[in-house]
N, C-alpha and C. Protein backbone atom coordinates (compact mmCIF):
# COMPACT_ATOMS: atom_id res chain seq x y z
N MET A 1 -14.76 24.62 21.93
CA MET A 1 -15.21 24.94 20.59
C MET A 1 -14.07 24.76 19.59
N SER A 2 -14.42 24.23 18.42
CA SER A 2 -13.41 23.95 17.41
C SER A 2 -12.91 25.26 16.74
N ASN A 3 -11.67 25.27 16.42
CA ASN A 3 -11.05 26.44 15.75
C ASN A 3 -10.75 26.02 14.30
N SER A 4 -11.76 25.67 13.54
CA SER A 4 -11.53 25.23 12.16
C SER A 4 -11.98 26.34 11.17
N SER A 5 -11.38 26.25 9.95
CA SER A 5 -11.73 27.20 8.94
C SER A 5 -13.10 26.92 8.37
N ARG A 6 -13.76 27.94 7.87
CA ARG A 6 -15.06 27.81 7.25
C ARG A 6 -14.89 27.33 5.81
N ILE A 7 -15.68 26.38 5.40
CA ILE A 7 -15.64 25.86 4.03
C ILE A 7 -16.87 26.31 3.31
N GLU A 8 -16.67 26.99 2.18
CA GLU A 8 -17.80 27.44 1.40
C GLU A 8 -18.04 26.47 0.24
N THR A 9 -19.31 26.18 -0.01
CA THR A 9 -19.66 25.30 -1.11
C THR A 9 -20.73 25.96 -1.98
N ARG A 10 -20.78 25.56 -3.25
CA ARG A 10 -21.83 26.00 -4.14
C ARG A 10 -21.93 25.04 -5.30
N GLU A 11 -23.08 24.97 -5.93
CA GLU A 11 -23.26 24.09 -7.09
C GLU A 11 -22.65 24.79 -8.29
N ILE A 12 -22.04 23.99 -9.15
CA ILE A 12 -21.44 24.50 -10.38
C ILE A 12 -22.02 23.72 -11.54
N ALA A 13 -22.51 24.44 -12.54
CA ALA A 13 -23.08 23.79 -13.73
C ALA A 13 -21.97 23.12 -14.55
N ASP A 14 -22.28 22.04 -15.24
CA ASP A 14 -21.30 21.35 -16.05
C ASP A 14 -20.63 22.26 -17.07
N ALA A 15 -21.42 23.16 -17.65
CA ALA A 15 -20.89 24.05 -18.65
C ALA A 15 -19.79 24.99 -18.10
N GLU A 16 -19.94 25.33 -16.82
CA GLU A 16 -18.92 26.18 -16.19
C GLU A 16 -17.59 25.44 -15.99
N LEU A 17 -17.64 24.12 -15.95
CA LEU A 17 -16.43 23.34 -15.75
C LEU A 17 -15.69 22.98 -17.02
N ASP A 18 -16.32 23.27 -18.16
CA ASP A 18 -15.69 22.89 -19.46
C ASP A 18 -14.35 23.56 -19.68
N SER A 19 -14.11 24.73 -19.11
CA SER A 19 -12.87 25.45 -19.33
C SER A 19 -12.00 25.50 -18.07
N VAL A 20 -12.19 24.57 -17.14
CA VAL A 20 -11.45 24.57 -15.88
C VAL A 20 -10.71 23.25 -15.77
N ALA A 21 -9.45 23.35 -15.33
CA ALA A 21 -8.63 22.16 -15.05
C ALA A 21 -8.33 22.07 -13.57
N GLY A 22 -8.12 20.90 -13.10
CA GLY A 22 -7.78 20.71 -11.69
C GLY A 22 -8.08 19.28 -11.27
N GLY A 23 -7.80 18.95 -10.02
CA GLY A 23 -8.08 17.61 -9.55
C GLY A 23 -7.09 17.17 -8.51
N LEU A 24 -6.75 15.87 -8.56
CA LEU A 24 -5.81 15.30 -7.61
C LEU A 24 -4.64 14.69 -8.36
N SER A 25 -3.47 14.79 -7.74
CA SER A 25 -2.29 14.07 -8.24
C SER A 25 -2.01 12.96 -7.24
N VAL A 26 -1.90 11.73 -7.75
CA VAL A 26 -1.70 10.56 -6.89
C VAL A 26 -0.42 9.85 -7.37
N SER A 27 0.49 9.58 -6.45
CA SER A 27 1.68 8.81 -6.79
C SER A 27 2.02 7.87 -5.64
N GLY A 28 2.78 6.87 -5.92
CA GLY A 28 3.10 5.92 -4.87
C GLY A 28 4.25 5.02 -5.26
N SER A 29 4.68 4.19 -4.31
CA SER A 29 5.75 3.23 -4.55
C SER A 29 5.50 2.00 -3.70
N VAL A 30 6.00 0.87 -4.20
CA VAL A 30 5.88 -0.41 -3.48
C VAL A 30 7.28 -1.01 -3.47
N GLU A 31 7.70 -1.49 -2.29
CA GLU A 31 8.99 -2.15 -2.16
C GLU A 31 8.79 -3.55 -1.57
N GLY A 32 9.52 -4.47 -2.10
CA GLY A 32 9.48 -5.86 -1.55
C GLY A 32 8.18 -6.58 -1.81
N LEU A 33 7.61 -6.42 -2.98
CA LEU A 33 6.37 -7.11 -3.31
C LEU A 33 6.64 -8.57 -3.70
N THR A 34 6.01 -9.50 -3.03
CA THR A 34 6.11 -10.91 -3.40
C THR A 34 4.71 -11.49 -3.53
N ALA A 35 4.56 -12.40 -4.46
CA ALA A 35 3.26 -13.00 -4.69
C ALA A 35 3.44 -14.46 -5.06
N LYS A 36 2.53 -15.30 -4.61
CA LYS A 36 2.53 -16.73 -4.95
C LYS A 36 1.22 -17.06 -5.66
N PHE A 37 1.34 -17.83 -6.73
CA PHE A 37 0.19 -18.21 -7.53
C PHE A 37 0.09 -19.75 -7.61
N ALA A 38 -1.10 -20.24 -7.77
CA ALA A 38 -1.36 -21.64 -7.98
C ALA A 38 -2.24 -21.80 -9.20
N PRO A 39 -2.12 -22.95 -9.86
CA PRO A 39 -3.01 -23.17 -11.02
C PRO A 39 -4.47 -23.14 -10.59
N GLY A 40 -5.27 -22.44 -11.34
CA GLY A 40 -6.71 -22.35 -11.02
C GLY A 40 -7.53 -22.95 -12.09
N PRO A 41 -8.83 -22.74 -12.02
CA PRO A 41 -9.74 -23.30 -13.03
C PRO A 41 -9.47 -22.72 -14.43
N ASN A 42 -9.62 -23.57 -15.43
CA ASN A 42 -9.40 -23.16 -16.80
C ASN A 42 -7.97 -22.69 -17.08
N GLY A 43 -7.05 -23.12 -16.23
CA GLY A 43 -5.62 -22.77 -16.45
C GLY A 43 -5.26 -21.36 -16.06
N LEU A 44 -6.18 -20.62 -15.46
CA LEU A 44 -5.87 -19.25 -15.00
C LEU A 44 -5.21 -19.29 -13.63
N PRO A 45 -4.11 -18.59 -13.44
CA PRO A 45 -3.45 -18.58 -12.13
C PRO A 45 -4.31 -17.88 -11.09
N VAL A 46 -4.22 -18.37 -9.84
CA VAL A 46 -4.98 -17.78 -8.71
C VAL A 46 -3.96 -17.34 -7.67
N LEU A 47 -4.08 -16.11 -7.23
CA LEU A 47 -3.20 -15.55 -6.21
C LEU A 47 -3.52 -16.25 -4.86
N THR A 48 -2.50 -16.88 -4.27
CA THR A 48 -2.70 -17.62 -3.02
C THR A 48 -2.07 -16.95 -1.83
N ASP A 49 -1.04 -16.11 -2.05
CA ASP A 49 -0.35 -15.39 -0.95
C ASP A 49 0.38 -14.20 -1.53
N ALA A 50 0.42 -13.13 -0.75
CA ALA A 50 1.14 -11.91 -1.17
C ALA A 50 1.61 -11.15 0.06
N SER A 51 2.70 -10.38 -0.11
CA SER A 51 3.21 -9.52 0.95
C SER A 51 3.92 -8.35 0.35
N VAL A 52 3.95 -7.26 1.14
CA VAL A 52 4.62 -6.04 0.74
C VAL A 52 5.48 -5.58 1.92
N LYS A 53 6.75 -5.24 1.65
CA LYS A 53 7.64 -4.76 2.71
C LYS A 53 7.34 -3.32 3.05
N SER A 54 7.13 -2.51 2.03
CA SER A 54 6.91 -1.08 2.23
C SER A 54 6.00 -0.53 1.16
N LEU A 55 5.09 0.35 1.58
CA LEU A 55 4.16 0.97 0.62
C LEU A 55 4.08 2.46 0.93
N GLY A 56 4.23 3.30 -0.11
CA GLY A 56 4.13 4.75 0.05
C GLY A 56 3.09 5.33 -0.89
N LEU A 57 2.31 6.25 -0.42
CA LEU A 57 1.26 6.87 -1.23
C LEU A 57 1.21 8.36 -0.94
N THR A 58 1.18 9.15 -1.98
CA THR A 58 1.09 10.61 -1.84
C THR A 58 -0.09 11.11 -2.65
N VAL A 59 -0.95 11.90 -2.04
CA VAL A 59 -2.06 12.51 -2.74
C VAL A 59 -1.97 14.02 -2.57
N SER A 60 -1.94 14.72 -3.68
CA SER A 60 -1.81 16.17 -3.64
C SER A 60 -2.96 16.83 -4.40
N ASP A 61 -3.34 18.01 -3.97
CA ASP A 61 -4.40 18.78 -4.64
C ASP A 61 -3.81 19.58 -5.79
N ILE A 62 -4.48 19.58 -6.93
CA ILE A 62 -4.12 20.45 -8.05
C ILE A 62 -5.22 21.50 -8.08
N GLU A 63 -4.84 22.73 -7.82
CA GLU A 63 -5.82 23.82 -7.73
C GLU A 63 -6.61 23.97 -9.01
N LEU A 64 -7.88 24.32 -8.85
CA LEU A 64 -8.70 24.61 -10.01
C LEU A 64 -8.27 25.91 -10.64
N GLY A 65 -8.31 25.93 -11.95
CA GLY A 65 -7.93 27.16 -12.66
C GLY A 65 -8.30 27.04 -14.11
N PRO A 66 -8.18 28.13 -14.85
CA PRO A 66 -8.56 28.11 -16.29
C PRO A 66 -7.59 27.25 -17.10
N ILE A 67 -8.08 26.60 -18.13
CA ILE A 67 -7.27 25.81 -19.01
C ILE A 67 -6.48 26.76 -19.89
N ALA A 68 -5.15 26.59 -19.88
CA ALA A 68 -4.29 27.45 -20.71
C ALA A 68 -4.41 27.01 -22.16
N GLY A 69 -4.43 27.95 -23.04
CA GLY A 69 -4.52 27.53 -24.44
C GLY A 69 -4.43 28.62 -25.34
C-alpha cells in the first residue's frame, strides 16, 4: 500500500481569487547553444541544425496568499 499524503481539492470562484497571489516561478539556463540557418522562402531564414551542450530548468512553487497592499 502506498504511503502518500492526502491531497484536498475544492472549487474556487473567480471572485475569490481576485485578491490572491501565487503560482510558479520558472528559471533556466542554456550553455553551448549553436544553430545553423539556411535561406528559406521569401528570404526568411530556416533553422536547419541546432545543438545544446547543457540545459538547466528550475520550477518552484509560489505559495498562494493574500495580495499585500
